[in-house]
Amino acid sequence: MPNTTTTTEPDRLSPGDIARTLLWIVVVASALTNMAASFGGADTWVHLVCGAVTVLCAGTLVVRNLRGRR
């Protein structure tokens, strides 16, 4: 009896998976940097930059998720 199972290529990362992973890394890194800046007594502009980066990356993740559902 011949083997009827087909071999498939291993799962590969798509560019979308890589982008999502990088966005999550940036969100976590900017949130941690903002928290460290709070404990360190950094200037206001550091908090604003970290917050802006966090919001932009999180917003991009939300938009990508909502577009992926369609």
N, C-alpha and C. Protein backbone atom coordinates (compact mmCIF):
# COMPACT_ATOMS: atom_id res chain seq x y z
N MET A 1 0.86 -1.17 0.00
CA MET A 1 0.00 0.00 0.00
C MET A 1 0.91 1.24 0.00
N PRO A 2 0.74 2.14 -0.97
CA PRO A 2 1.59 3.32 -1.04
C PRO A 2 1.23 4.33 0.05
N ASN A 3 2.19 5.09 0.39
CA ASN A 3 1.99 6.14 1.40
C ASN A 3 1.19 7.28 0.78
N THR A 4 0.02 7.58 1.33
CA THR A 4 -0.85 8.60 0.74
C THR A 4 -0.75 9.95 1.45
N THR A 5 0.08 10.05 2.45
CA THR A 5 0.20 11.34 3.12
C THR A 5 1.11 12.23 2.30
N THR A 6 0.74 13.47 2.22
CA THR A 6 1.54 14.42 1.46
C THR A 6 2.39 15.23 2.41
N THR A 7 3.57 15.49 2.00
CA THR A 7 4.43 16.32 2.82
C THR A 7 4.26 17.77 2.40
N THR A 8 4.17 18.60 3.36
CA THR A 8 4.01 20.03 3.07
C THR A 8 5.25 20.76 3.53
N GLU A 9 5.42 21.92 2.97
CA GLU A 9 6.53 22.76 3.40
C GLU A 9 6.33 23.17 4.84
N PRO A 10 7.41 23.32 5.57
CA PRO A 10 7.25 23.80 6.95
C PRO A 10 6.66 25.21 6.95
N ASP A 11 5.97 25.50 8.04
CA ASP A 11 5.37 26.82 8.14
C ASP A 11 6.45 27.89 8.09
N ARG A 12 6.22 28.88 7.27
CA ARG A 12 7.17 29.97 7.12
C ARG A 12 6.55 31.25 7.65
N LEU A 13 7.39 32.13 8.10
CA LEU A 13 6.90 33.42 8.58
C LEU A 13 6.58 34.31 7.40
N SER A 14 5.41 34.91 7.46
CA SER A 14 5.04 35.85 6.41
C SER A 14 5.54 37.24 6.82
N PRO A 15 5.64 38.14 5.87
CA PRO A 15 6.03 39.51 6.21
C PRO A 15 5.09 40.15 7.23
N GLY A 16 3.82 39.78 7.19
CA GLY A 16 2.87 40.29 8.17
C GLY A 16 3.16 39.82 9.58
N ASP A 17 3.59 38.57 9.70
CA ASP A 17 3.95 38.03 11.02
C ASP A 17 5.18 38.74 11.58
N ILE A 18 6.14 39.00 10.71
CA ILE A 18 7.35 39.70 11.14
C ILE A 18 7.03 41.12 11.57
N ALA A 19 6.18 41.79 10.79
CA ALA A 19 5.80 43.17 11.12
C ALA A 19 5.06 43.22 12.45
N ARG A 20 4.14 42.28 12.66
CA ARG A 20 3.38 42.25 13.91
C ARG A 20 4.30 42.02 15.10
N THR A 21 5.25 41.12 14.96
CA THR A 21 6.19 40.84 16.03
C THR A 21 7.04 42.06 16.34
N LEU A 22 7.54 42.73 15.31
CA LEU A 22 8.36 43.92 15.52
C LEU A 22 7.55 45.05 16.16
N LEU A 23 6.30 45.20 15.74
CA LEU A 23 5.46 46.23 16.35
C LEU A 23 5.24 45.95 17.84
N TRP A 24 5.01 44.69 18.20
CA TRP A 24 4.82 44.35 19.61
C TRP A 24 6.10 44.60 20.41
N ILE A 25 7.24 44.29 19.81
CA ILE A 25 8.51 44.55 20.49
C ILE A 25 8.70 46.03 20.74
N VAL A 26 8.37 46.86 19.75
CA VAL A 26 8.52 48.30 19.91
C VAL A 26 7.53 48.84 20.95
N VAL A 27 6.30 48.32 20.96
CA VAL A 27 5.31 48.76 21.95
C VAL A 27 5.81 48.46 23.36
N VAL A 28 6.28 47.25 23.58
CA VAL A 28 6.76 46.88 24.91
C VAL A 28 8.00 47.68 25.29
N ALA A 29 8.93 47.83 24.35
CA ALA A 29 10.16 48.57 24.63
C ALA A 29 9.87 50.04 24.94
N SER A 30 8.98 50.66 24.20
CA SER A 30 8.68 52.08 24.45
C SER A 30 7.91 52.25 25.76
N ALA A 31 7.04 51.31 26.09
CA ALA A 31 6.33 51.40 27.36
C ALA A 31 7.29 51.22 28.54
N LEU A 32 8.23 50.28 28.41
CA LEU A 32 9.22 50.09 29.47
C LEU A 32 10.16 51.30 29.58
N THR A 33 10.52 51.88 28.45
CA THR A 33 11.36 53.08 28.47
C THR A 33 10.63 54.23 29.14
N ASN A 34 9.34 54.36 28.86
CA ASN A 34 8.55 55.41 29.47
C ASN A 34 8.47 55.20 30.98
N MET A 35 8.31 53.96 31.40
CA MET A 35 8.25 53.66 32.82
C MET A 35 9.60 53.95 33.49
N ALA A 36 10.69 53.58 32.84
CA ALA A 36 12.02 53.85 33.39
C ALA A 36 12.27 55.35 33.45
N ALA A 37 11.79 56.08 32.47
CA ALA A 37 11.95 57.53 32.47
C ALA A 37 11.16 58.16 33.62
N SER A 38 10.03 57.57 33.95
CA SER A 38 9.24 58.07 35.07
C SER A 38 9.99 57.89 36.38
N PHE A 39 10.58 56.72 36.57
CA PHE A 39 11.33 56.48 37.80
C PHE A 39 12.62 57.28 37.85
N GLY A 40 13.18 57.56 36.67
CA GLY A 40 14.44 58.28 36.61
C GLY A 40 14.31 59.78 36.62
N GLY A 41 13.11 60.28 36.54
CA GLY A 41 12.89 61.72 36.55
C GLY A 41 13.35 62.41 35.27
N ALA A 42 13.10 61.79 34.13
CA ALA A 42 13.52 62.34 32.85
C ALA A 42 12.66 63.54 32.47
N ASP A 43 13.14 64.25 31.46
CA ASP A 43 12.41 65.42 30.96
C ASP A 43 11.08 65.01 30.32
N THR A 44 10.22 65.98 30.17
CA THR A 44 8.89 65.73 29.63
C THR A 44 8.95 65.23 28.19
N TRP A 45 9.89 65.73 27.40
CA TRP A 45 9.95 65.33 26.00
C TRP A 45 10.23 63.83 25.86
N VAL A 46 10.93 63.23 26.80
CA VAL A 46 11.20 61.79 26.75
C VAL A 46 9.88 61.02 26.90
N HIS A 47 9.05 61.47 27.84
CA HIS A 47 7.75 60.82 28.04
C HIS A 47 6.87 60.99 26.81
N LEU A 48 6.90 62.18 26.21
CA LEU A 48 6.08 62.43 25.03
C LEU A 48 6.51 61.56 23.85
N VAL A 49 7.80 61.43 23.64
CA VAL A 49 8.28 60.61 22.53
C VAL A 49 7.93 59.14 22.76
N CYS A 50 8.18 58.66 23.96
CA CYS A 50 7.85 57.27 24.27
C CYS A 50 6.36 57.01 24.14
N GLY A 51 5.56 57.93 24.63
CA GLY A 51 4.11 57.78 24.53
C GLY A 51 3.63 57.81 23.09
N ALA A 52 4.21 58.70 22.29
CA ALA A 52 3.81 58.79 20.88
C ALA A 52 4.17 57.51 20.13
N VAL A 53 5.35 56.98 20.39
CA VAL A 53 5.75 55.74 19.74
C VAL A 53 4.84 54.59 20.16
N THR A 54 4.52 54.53 21.43
CA THR A 54 3.63 53.48 21.93
C THR A 54 2.26 53.58 21.27
N VAL A 55 1.71 54.78 21.22
CA VAL A 55 0.37 54.97 20.64
C VAL A 55 0.37 54.66 19.15
N LEU A 56 1.39 55.10 18.42
CA LEU A 56 1.44 54.84 16.99
C LEU A 56 1.56 53.34 16.68
N CYS A 57 2.41 52.65 17.41
CA CYS A 57 2.57 51.22 17.17
C CYS A 57 1.33 50.44 17.59
N ALA A 58 0.75 50.79 18.72
CA ALA A 58 -0.46 50.11 19.17
C ALA A 58 -1.62 50.38 18.19
N GLY A 59 -1.71 51.60 17.72
CA GLY A 59 -2.74 51.94 16.73
C GLY A 59 -2.55 51.16 15.44
N THR A 60 -1.31 51.02 15.02
CA THR A 60 -1.02 50.23 13.82
C THR A 60 -1.41 48.77 14.01
N LEU A 61 -1.15 48.23 15.18
CA LEU A 61 -1.56 46.85 15.46
C LEU A 61 -3.07 46.69 15.42
N VAL A 62 -3.79 47.66 15.96
CA VAL A 62 -5.26 47.60 15.96
C VAL A 62 -5.78 47.68 14.53
N VAL A 63 -5.25 48.60 13.74
CA VAL A 63 -5.71 48.75 12.35
C VAL A 63 -5.42 47.49 11.56
N ARG A 64 -4.23 46.92 11.73
CA ARG A 64 -3.90 45.68 11.01
C ARG A 64 -4.83 44.54 11.42
N ASN A 65 -5.18 44.49 12.70
CA ASN A 65 -6.09 43.44 13.18
C ASN A 65 -7.48 43.62 12.59
N LEU A 66 -7.97 44.85 12.59
CA LEU A 66 -9.31 45.09 12.06
C LEU A 66 -9.37 44.85 10.55
N ARG A 67 -8.34 45.22 9.83
CA ARG A 67 -8.32 44.97 8.38
C ARG A 67 -8.19 43.48 8.07
N GLY A 68 -7.54 42.75 8.95
CA GLY A 68 -7.37 41.31 8.73
C GLY A 68 -8.65 40.52 8.92
N ARG A 69 -9.62 41.09 9.61
CA ARG A 69 -10.89 40.39 9.86
C ARG A 69 -11.82 40.46 8.67
N ARG A 70 -11.58 41.36 7.77
CA ARG A 70 -12.49 41.52 6.61
C ARG A 70 -12.27 40.48 5.57
